[in-house]
Amino acid sequence: MRKIFNEYGGWVIVVFVIIALLLLVGGIKSIDDNGKVKGSGLIATIGNIFSNSIEKNNNHLRYLNGECGPNGEPLVSTTESQVGKYADIDGDGTVDGIIFADLAVGGSGTYEIERYYQSGLETLNYYIPKKNTGLKTYYQKGTYTDKMNGTQEVIVPLSNESNRFYIMSLKSINNGKRTTLYNSINENNVPSSDYLKITKYDFGSGKENTLALYNKWLNENYGLQDINDAFNFIHNDIKKGWFIPSSEEWAVFYKQLHITKENYVSKGIEHWIFTSSVTYSYAIAYMKFEGNNVYYSGNPSFSIYTRLATTF
């Protein structure tokens, strides 16, 4: 080896230098439009490290300016409906529900109600108000799959303005088990002056309805609390802004998401679900998916299902 080095030492050094340069540089083939180095070798690796660092810095600046999500995710359209997509209301990576109304778009339509004392169905109108300004900015964060609506994008809030979306939980309370709403309530302990004004049917009234009924239940104004009442299971949810939807909010849900008596089972929805709308005396409206309508003559002491909604 020493003899070879003595005879060819200079050339050996040159060859080693060339090999080293080829290893460093020779793996680089090209640089794409995003500044990514295509190829292999140390320089290619170092180049991509710098490129990724620059990209992250640019994304962070865009995020601070409200132009994208924290990792460069695209913003949600402010003019196109996002109904049917899933929602992560606090950005913790957990899907909280499905969007069923979009105030940036609004909407209107009809739905059917049923009363026990009359034959046939009655058609009513629903209305979703449209709001053009002051709404939160949102971004898209991957996709999620659920039998409610298959695989859809997940929407996450980016700013702190007014809530744009109404969402419905993907599961009923109490681990999907039946509850009463207010078991002790009856026609003798609800003043007629109360039931006519304590709740409303309209879209947007579910939260106030829920708070009104919850306070009556807490104070036992209409009878004693029962361990199986729905309110026993949703104390913390109510504090976080979740509520039992009004009759019209439920109508919007099944109409906007095209849920019918033929497909509701496959979407994981129960056949009878409480609304928060008192209809007359001590009766309360149910969402009746097996009949594709809202049933106005429900009894809050019956044991059926309860599902919550919220806005974000």
Protein backbone atom coordinates (compact mmCIF):
# COMPACT_ATOMS: atom_id res chain seq x y z
CA MET A 1 0.00 0.00 0.00
CA ARG A 2 2.88 2.37 0.91
CA LYS A 3 4.53 1.58 -2.43
CA ILE A 4 1.32 2.36 -4.28
CA PHE A 5 0.86 5.56 -2.35
CA ASN A 6 4.47 6.60 -3.00
CA GLU A 7 4.07 5.95 -6.71
CA TYR A 8 0.53 7.20 -7.19
CA GLY A 9 -0.13 9.23 -4.03
CA GLY A 10 -1.22 12.39 -5.77
CA TRP A 11 -3.61 10.56 -8.04
CA VAL A 12 -5.08 8.55 -5.12
CA ILE A 13 -5.92 11.76 -3.30
CA VAL A 14 -7.52 13.20 -6.43
CA VAL A 15 -9.60 10.04 -6.95
CA PHE A 16 -10.82 10.07 -3.33
CA VAL A 17 -11.76 13.74 -3.62
CA ILE A 18 -13.68 13.06 -6.84
CA ILE A 19 -15.51 10.12 -5.26
CA ALA A 20 -16.43 12.25 -2.24
CA LEU A 21 -17.72 15.06 -4.46
CA LEU A 22 -19.75 12.58 -6.50
CA LEU A 23 -21.30 11.23 -3.32
CA LEU A 24 -22.13 14.73 -2.17
CA VAL A 25 -23.26 16.29 -5.41
CA GLY A 26 -23.82 13.49 -7.86
CA GLY A 27 -27.10 12.43 -6.23
CA ILE A 28 -28.82 15.73 -7.06
CA LYS A 29 -31.01 15.41 -10.13
CA SER A 30 -33.17 18.53 -10.02
CA ILE A 31 -35.04 21.00 -7.82
CA ASP A 32 -38.84 21.10 -8.14
CA ASP A 33 -41.14 24.14 -8.08
CA ASN A 34 -41.54 23.85 -4.31
CA GLY A 35 -37.79 24.00 -3.69
CA LYS A 36 -37.50 20.27 -2.94
CA VAL A 37 -34.24 18.62 -4.01
CA LYS A 38 -34.76 15.46 -6.03
CA GLY A 39 -32.01 12.91 -5.70
CA SER A 40 -29.78 11.36 -3.05
CA GLY A 41 -26.59 12.16 -1.20
CA LEU A 42 -25.60 14.45 1.63
CA ILE A 43 -26.08 17.72 -0.23
CA ALA A 44 -29.55 16.63 -1.39
CA THR A 45 -30.43 15.80 2.21
CA ILE A 46 -29.07 19.09 3.53
CA GLY A 47 -30.89 20.96 0.76
CA ASN A 48 -34.21 19.41 1.72
CA ILE A 49 -33.64 20.18 5.40
CA PHE A 50 -33.23 23.87 4.53
CA SER A 51 -36.19 23.71 2.13
CA ASN A 52 -38.45 22.15 4.76
CA SER A 53 -37.35 24.73 7.32
CA ILE A 54 -38.18 27.57 4.94
CA GLU A 55 -41.56 26.01 4.12
CA LYS A 56 -42.47 25.63 7.79
CA ASN A 57 -41.48 29.23 8.46
CA ASN A 58 -43.58 30.46 5.52
CA ASN A 59 -46.55 28.36 6.68
CA HIS A 60 -46.22 29.78 10.19
CA LEU A 61 -46.24 33.34 8.86
CA ARG A 62 -49.28 32.57 6.68
CA TYR A 63 -50.99 30.94 9.67
CA LEU A 64 -50.38 34.02 11.82
CA ASN A 65 -51.93 36.11 9.03
CA GLY A 66 -54.98 33.82 8.92
CA GLU A 67 -54.16 32.56 5.42
CA CYS A 68 -53.96 28.83 6.22
CA GLY A 69 -54.03 26.27 9.02
CA PRO A 70 -51.06 25.86 11.40
CA ASN A 71 -49.35 23.42 9.03
CA GLY A 72 -50.31 25.07 5.76
CA GLU A 73 -53.77 23.47 5.51
CA PRO A 74 -56.18 25.18 3.07
CA LEU A 75 -58.90 27.51 4.32
CA VAL A 76 -62.56 26.59 4.00
CA SER A 77 -64.55 28.40 1.31
CA THR A 78 -66.62 31.30 2.65
CA THR A 79 -69.30 30.92 -0.03
CA GLU A 80 -69.71 27.16 -0.56
CA SER A 81 -71.82 25.03 1.78
CA GLN A 82 -69.91 22.74 4.14
CA VAL A 83 -72.99 20.74 5.16
CA GLY A 84 -72.20 17.05 5.47
CA LYS A 85 -68.57 17.53 6.51
CA TYR A 86 -67.26 16.62 9.94
CA ALA A 87 -66.24 19.07 12.66
CA ASP A 88 -63.39 19.22 15.16
CA ILE A 89 -64.64 22.15 17.20
CA ASP A 90 -61.51 22.74 19.28
CA GLY A 91 -58.72 21.43 17.05
CA ASP A 92 -57.77 18.60 19.41
CA GLY A 93 -57.85 16.00 16.64
CA THR A 94 -61.17 14.47 17.75
CA VAL A 95 -64.21 14.68 15.46
CA ASP A 96 -67.12 16.08 17.47
CA GLY A 97 -69.99 15.90 15.00
CA ILE A 98 -71.33 16.52 11.52
CA ILE A 99 -72.28 19.90 10.05
CA PHE A 100 -76.00 20.16 9.25
CA ALA A 101 -76.44 23.92 8.78
CA ASP A 102 -74.13 26.59 7.35
CA LEU A 103 -74.99 30.21 8.15
CA ALA A 104 -72.69 31.50 5.40
CA VAL A 105 -75.08 29.93 2.90
CA GLY A 106 -78.41 29.82 4.73
CA GLY A 107 -81.33 27.92 3.31
CA SER A 108 -85.00 27.08 3.49
CA GLY A 109 -87.32 24.19 2.81
CA THR A 110 -90.27 22.22 4.07
CA TYR A 111 -90.79 19.36 6.50
CA GLU A 112 -93.68 17.34 7.82
CA ILE A 113 -95.17 17.11 11.30
CA GLU A 114 -97.58 14.59 12.79
CA ARG A 115 -100.11 15.07 15.60
CA TYR A 116 -101.87 12.21 17.37
CA TYR A 117 -105.30 13.86 17.15
CA GLN A 118 -105.33 14.45 13.40
CA SER A 119 -104.96 12.19 10.41
CA GLY A 120 -102.28 12.77 7.81
CA LEU A 121 -99.22 14.99 7.94
CA GLU A 122 -98.96 18.76 8.04
CA THR A 123 -96.27 20.58 6.05
CA LEU A 124 -94.29 23.40 7.66
CA ASN A 125 -91.45 25.62 6.46
CA TYR A 126 -87.98 25.87 7.93
CA TYR A 127 -85.59 28.78 7.48
CA ILE A 128 -81.82 28.97 8.04
CA PRO A 129 -80.70 32.62 8.24
CA LYS A 130 -77.77 33.73 6.10
CA LYS A 131 -74.96 35.75 7.62
CA ASN A 132 -72.44 37.44 5.34
CA THR A 133 -70.00 39.02 7.79
CA GLY A 134 -68.40 38.45 11.17
CA LEU A 135 -68.11 34.67 10.89
CA LYS A 136 -65.12 32.61 11.97
CA THR A 137 -62.43 31.47 9.54
CA TYR A 138 -61.95 27.70 9.26
CA TYR A 139 -59.45 25.32 7.70
CA GLN A 140 -59.57 21.74 6.42
CA LYS A 141 -57.65 19.15 8.40
CA GLY A 142 -57.60 15.77 6.70
CA THR A 143 -60.60 13.48 6.36
CA TYR A 144 -62.75 11.30 8.60
CA THR A 145 -64.99 8.33 7.89
CA ASP A 146 -68.29 7.60 9.64
CA LYS A 147 -71.44 5.80 8.57
CA MET A 148 -73.34 9.06 8.99
CA ASN A 149 -71.90 10.44 5.74
CA GLY A 150 -68.95 8.30 4.63
CA THR A 151 -65.54 9.90 4.16
CA GLN A 152 -65.54 13.70 4.33
CA GLU A 153 -63.17 16.55 5.15
CA VAL A 154 -62.77 17.68 8.76
CA ILE A 155 -63.39 21.38 9.46
CA VAL A 156 -61.48 23.18 12.25
CA PRO A 157 -61.96 26.80 13.46
CA LEU A 158 -59.09 29.24 12.99
CA SER A 159 -60.43 32.52 14.40
CA ASN A 160 -62.75 33.73 17.17
CA GLU A 161 -65.61 35.52 15.43
CA SER A 162 -69.23 34.32 15.37
CA ASN A 163 -70.03 30.64 14.88
CA ARG A 164 -70.85 29.67 11.32
CA PHE A 165 -71.92 26.04 11.67
CA TYR A 166 -74.48 23.90 13.48
CA ILE A 167 -73.27 20.37 14.13
CA MET A 168 -74.95 17.22 15.42
CA SER A 169 -73.16 14.69 17.58
CA LEU A 170 -72.43 11.38 15.86
CA LYS A 171 -73.76 9.44 18.87
CA SER A 172 -76.64 9.72 21.33
CA ILE A 173 -76.05 10.46 25.00
CA ASN A 174 -75.73 7.80 27.71
CA ASN A 175 -73.68 5.58 25.39
CA GLY A 176 -76.60 5.25 23.02
CA LYS A 177 -79.05 4.04 25.66
CA ARG A 178 -82.58 5.35 26.07
CA THR A 179 -83.52 7.94 28.67
CA THR A 180 -86.56 9.94 29.65
CA LEU A 181 -86.39 13.69 29.24
CA TYR A 182 -88.28 14.65 32.41
CA ASN A 183 -90.01 11.61 33.86
CA SER A 184 -92.04 13.35 36.58
CA ILE A 185 -93.62 15.95 34.33
CA ASN A 186 -97.37 15.67 33.77
CA GLU A 187 -100.34 17.75 32.71
CA ASN A 188 -101.14 18.71 36.29
CA ASN A 189 -97.82 20.37 37.12
CA VAL A 190 -97.17 22.43 33.99
CA PRO A 191 -99.14 25.70 33.97
CA SER A 192 -100.64 26.50 30.58
CA SER A 193 -99.01 29.92 30.78
CA ASP A 194 -95.64 28.15 30.93
CA TYR A 195 -95.80 25.64 28.12
CA LEU A 196 -96.86 28.29 25.62
CA LYS A 197 -93.74 30.37 26.20
CA ILE A 198 -91.02 28.24 27.80
CA THR A 199 -89.68 26.91 24.48
CA LYS A 200 -89.88 27.57 20.75
CA TYR A 201 -89.94 25.47 17.59
CA ASP A 202 -87.71 27.67 15.43
CA PHE A 203 -84.27 26.98 14.02
CA GLY A 204 -81.78 28.60 16.39
CA SER A 205 -83.90 28.15 19.52
CA GLY A 206 -82.57 24.79 20.72
CA LYS A 207 -79.95 26.18 23.07
CA GLU A 208 -82.37 28.51 24.87
CA ASN A 209 -84.99 25.73 24.97
CA THR A 210 -82.52 23.35 26.58
CA LEU A 211 -81.42 25.87 29.21
CA ALA A 212 -85.05 26.68 30.06
CA LEU A 213 -86.04 23.03 30.48
CA TYR A 214 -82.81 22.19 32.30
CA ASN A 215 -83.40 24.94 34.86
CA LYS A 216 -86.99 23.75 35.40
CA TRP A 217 -85.62 20.25 35.94
CA LEU A 218 -82.84 21.44 38.30
CA ASN A 219 -85.37 23.35 40.40
CA GLU A 220 -87.93 20.53 40.13
CA ASN A 221 -90.58 23.01 39.01
CA TYR A 222 -92.48 20.34 37.09
CA GLY A 223 -91.83 17.39 39.38
CA LEU A 224 -88.95 15.53 40.97
CA GLN A 225 -85.76 14.67 39.14
CA ASP A 226 -85.35 11.08 37.98
CA ILE A 227 -82.08 9.18 37.72
CA ASN A 228 -82.90 8.21 34.12
CA ASP A 229 -83.73 11.74 32.94
CA ALA A 230 -81.54 12.93 30.06
CA PHE A 231 -80.44 16.01 32.01
CA ASN A 232 -78.63 13.75 34.47
CA PHE A 233 -76.21 12.81 31.70
CA ILE A 234 -75.57 16.18 30.08
CA HIS A 235 -74.66 18.64 32.88
CA ASN A 236 -71.13 19.16 31.56
CA ASP A 237 -72.23 19.17 27.92
CA ILE A 238 -74.68 22.00 28.59
CA LYS A 239 -71.91 23.99 30.28
CA LYS A 240 -69.81 23.54 27.12
CA GLY A 241 -72.58 24.87 24.87
CA TRP A 242 -74.20 21.64 23.69
CA PHE A 243 -77.99 21.48 23.59
CA ILE A 244 -80.99 19.37 22.64
CA PRO A 245 -82.06 20.60 19.18
CA SER A 246 -85.44 22.26 18.66
CA SER A 247 -88.02 20.56 16.45
CA GLU A 248 -87.07 22.74 13.48
CA GLU A 249 -83.35 22.16 14.00
CA TRP A 250 -84.02 18.44 13.80
CA ALA A 251 -86.04 19.03 10.64
CA VAL A 252 -83.11 20.94 9.13
CA PHE A 253 -80.80 18.08 10.09
CA TYR A 254 -82.73 15.36 8.32
CA LYS A 255 -83.57 17.51 5.32
CA GLN A 256 -80.12 19.02 4.75
CA LEU A 257 -78.36 15.67 5.12
CA HIS A 258 -80.98 13.80 3.06
CA ILE A 259 -81.80 11.35 5.84
CA THR A 260 -84.94 9.34 5.19
CA LYS A 261 -86.90 6.50 6.75
CA GLU A 262 -85.15 4.23 4.25
CA ASN A 263 -81.55 5.10 5.21
CA TYR A 264 -81.54 6.38 8.82
CA VAL A 265 -80.67 2.98 10.31
CA SER A 266 -77.63 2.57 8.06
CA LYS A 267 -76.43 6.00 9.21
CA GLY A 268 -76.48 5.04 12.88
CA ILE A 269 -79.54 7.10 13.83
CA GLU A 270 -82.27 5.92 16.20
CA HIS A 271 -85.96 5.90 15.23
CA TRP A 272 -87.30 8.23 17.98
CA ILE A 273 -85.26 11.14 19.38
CA PHE A 274 -86.23 13.97 21.75
CA THR A 275 -86.36 17.59 20.61
CA SER A 276 -86.39 20.50 23.08
CA SER A 277 -89.66 21.97 21.80
CA VAL A 278 -92.68 21.75 24.10
CA THR A 279 -95.75 21.57 21.87
CA TYR A 280 -98.77 21.78 24.16
CA SER A 281 -99.64 21.03 27.78
CA TYR A 282 -96.74 18.80 28.85
CA ALA A 283 -96.15 17.22 25.43
CA ILE A 284 -92.84 17.53 23.62
CA ALA A 285 -91.90 17.00 19.99
CA TYR A 286 -89.96 13.91 18.89
CA MET A 287 -87.92 13.49 15.76
CA LYS A 288 -89.56 10.44 14.21
CA PHE A 289 -87.12 9.00 11.69
CA GLU A 290 -89.17 5.87 11.08
CA GLY A 291 -91.93 8.14 9.78
CA ASN A 292 -89.68 10.80 8.25
CA ASN A 293 -91.38 13.58 10.22
CA VAL A 294 -91.51 15.48 13.51
CA TYR A 295 -94.05 14.04 15.94
CA TYR A 296 -95.67 16.84 17.95
CA SER A 297 -97.42 14.67 20.54
CA GLY A 298 -94.50 13.06 22.37
CA ASN A 299 -94.35 12.39 26.09
CA PRO A 300 -91.20 13.54 27.98
CA SER A 301 -91.62 10.63 30.39
CA PHE A 302 -91.28 8.06 27.61
CA SER A 303 -87.89 6.37 27.30
CA ILE A 304 -86.34 7.15 23.90
CA TYR A 305 -83.06 8.65 22.64
CA THR A 306 -81.40 12.05 23.08
CA ARG A 307 -78.75 13.50 20.81
CA LEU A 308 -77.00 16.86 21.23
CA ALA A 309 -76.04 19.65 18.87
CA THR A 310 -73.82 22.71 19.16
CA THR A 311 -72.48 25.60 17.11
CA PHE A 312 -68.87 26.39 16.28
